[in-house]
Amino acid sequence: MHVAHAGRYAKYWLEPVELANNRGFRGHELTTIREIVIENREFFLEMWLEYFSGKR
């Protein structure tokens, strides 16, 4: 899962939810982003699977 805003980005793994990379986000912002990722994890996984299953 990639998050980008104003030249900053963060990448989270979804299984388990874990920060993979960060450039520019502060700690409190990463905490908020992580909470959003956790709350929407199932949706993100469904969309990822749907996107890549249609590419075959």
Protein backbone atom coordinates (compact mmCIF):
# COMPACT_ATOMS: atom_id res chain seq x y z
CA MET A 1 0.00 0.00 0.00
CA HIS A 2 1.49 3.34 -1.08
CA VAL A 3 0.52 6.69 0.38
CA ALA A 4 1.77 9.92 -1.23
CA HIS A 5 1.19 13.57 -0.39
CA ALA A 6 3.13 16.74 -1.29
CA GLY A 7 6.34 14.92 -2.22
CA ARG A 8 6.18 12.58 0.78
CA TYR A 9 5.42 8.89 0.60
CA ALA A 10 5.04 5.84 2.75
CA LYS A 11 4.69 2.19 1.85
CA TYR A 12 2.94 -0.35 4.07
CA TRP A 13 2.84 -4.10 3.79
CA LEU A 14 -0.67 -5.45 4.32
CA GLU A 15 0.13 -8.91 5.72
CA PRO A 16 0.94 -8.07 8.45
CA VAL A 17 0.40 -4.32 8.43
CA GLU A 18 3.92 -2.95 8.73
CA LEU A 19 5.74 0.16 7.53
CA ALA A 20 8.07 -0.82 4.68
CA ASN A 21 9.39 2.60 3.68
CA ASN A 22 8.88 6.26 4.57
CA ARG A 23 10.11 9.52 3.15
CA GLY A 24 8.97 12.72 4.77
CA PHE A 25 6.05 11.72 6.98
CA ARG A 26 6.41 12.46 10.69
CA GLY A 27 5.77 9.89 13.40
CA HIS A 28 2.28 11.10 14.31
CA GLU A 29 1.31 11.12 10.61
CA LEU A 30 2.56 7.55 10.20
CA THR A 31 0.48 6.52 13.21
CA THR A 32 -2.65 7.98 11.60
CA ILE A 33 -1.85 6.42 8.22
CA ARG A 34 -1.25 3.03 9.86
CA GLU A 35 -4.63 3.21 11.60
CA ILE A 36 -6.32 3.97 8.27
CA VAL A 37 -4.49 1.08 6.60
CA ILE A 38 -5.54 -1.30 9.39
CA GLU A 39 -9.19 -0.15 9.21
CA ASN A 40 -9.26 -0.65 5.42
CA ARG A 41 -6.90 -3.59 5.08
CA GLU A 42 -9.51 -6.07 3.84
CA PHE A 43 -10.72 -3.63 1.18
CA PHE A 44 -7.15 -2.94 0.00
CA LEU A 45 -6.43 -6.67 -0.21
CA GLU A 46 -9.64 -7.31 -2.15
CA MET A 47 -8.84 -4.53 -4.64
CA TRP A 48 -5.26 -5.76 -5.02
CA LEU A 49 -6.42 -9.32 -5.72
CA GLU A 50 -9.11 -8.13 -8.12
CA TYR A 51 -6.65 -5.92 -10.03
CA PHE A 52 -3.98 -8.58 -10.42
CA SER A 53 -6.35 -11.47 -11.12
CA GLY A 54 -7.75 -9.50 -14.08
CA LYS A 55 -4.27 -9.08 -15.59
CA ARG A 56 -3.86 -12.76 -16.49
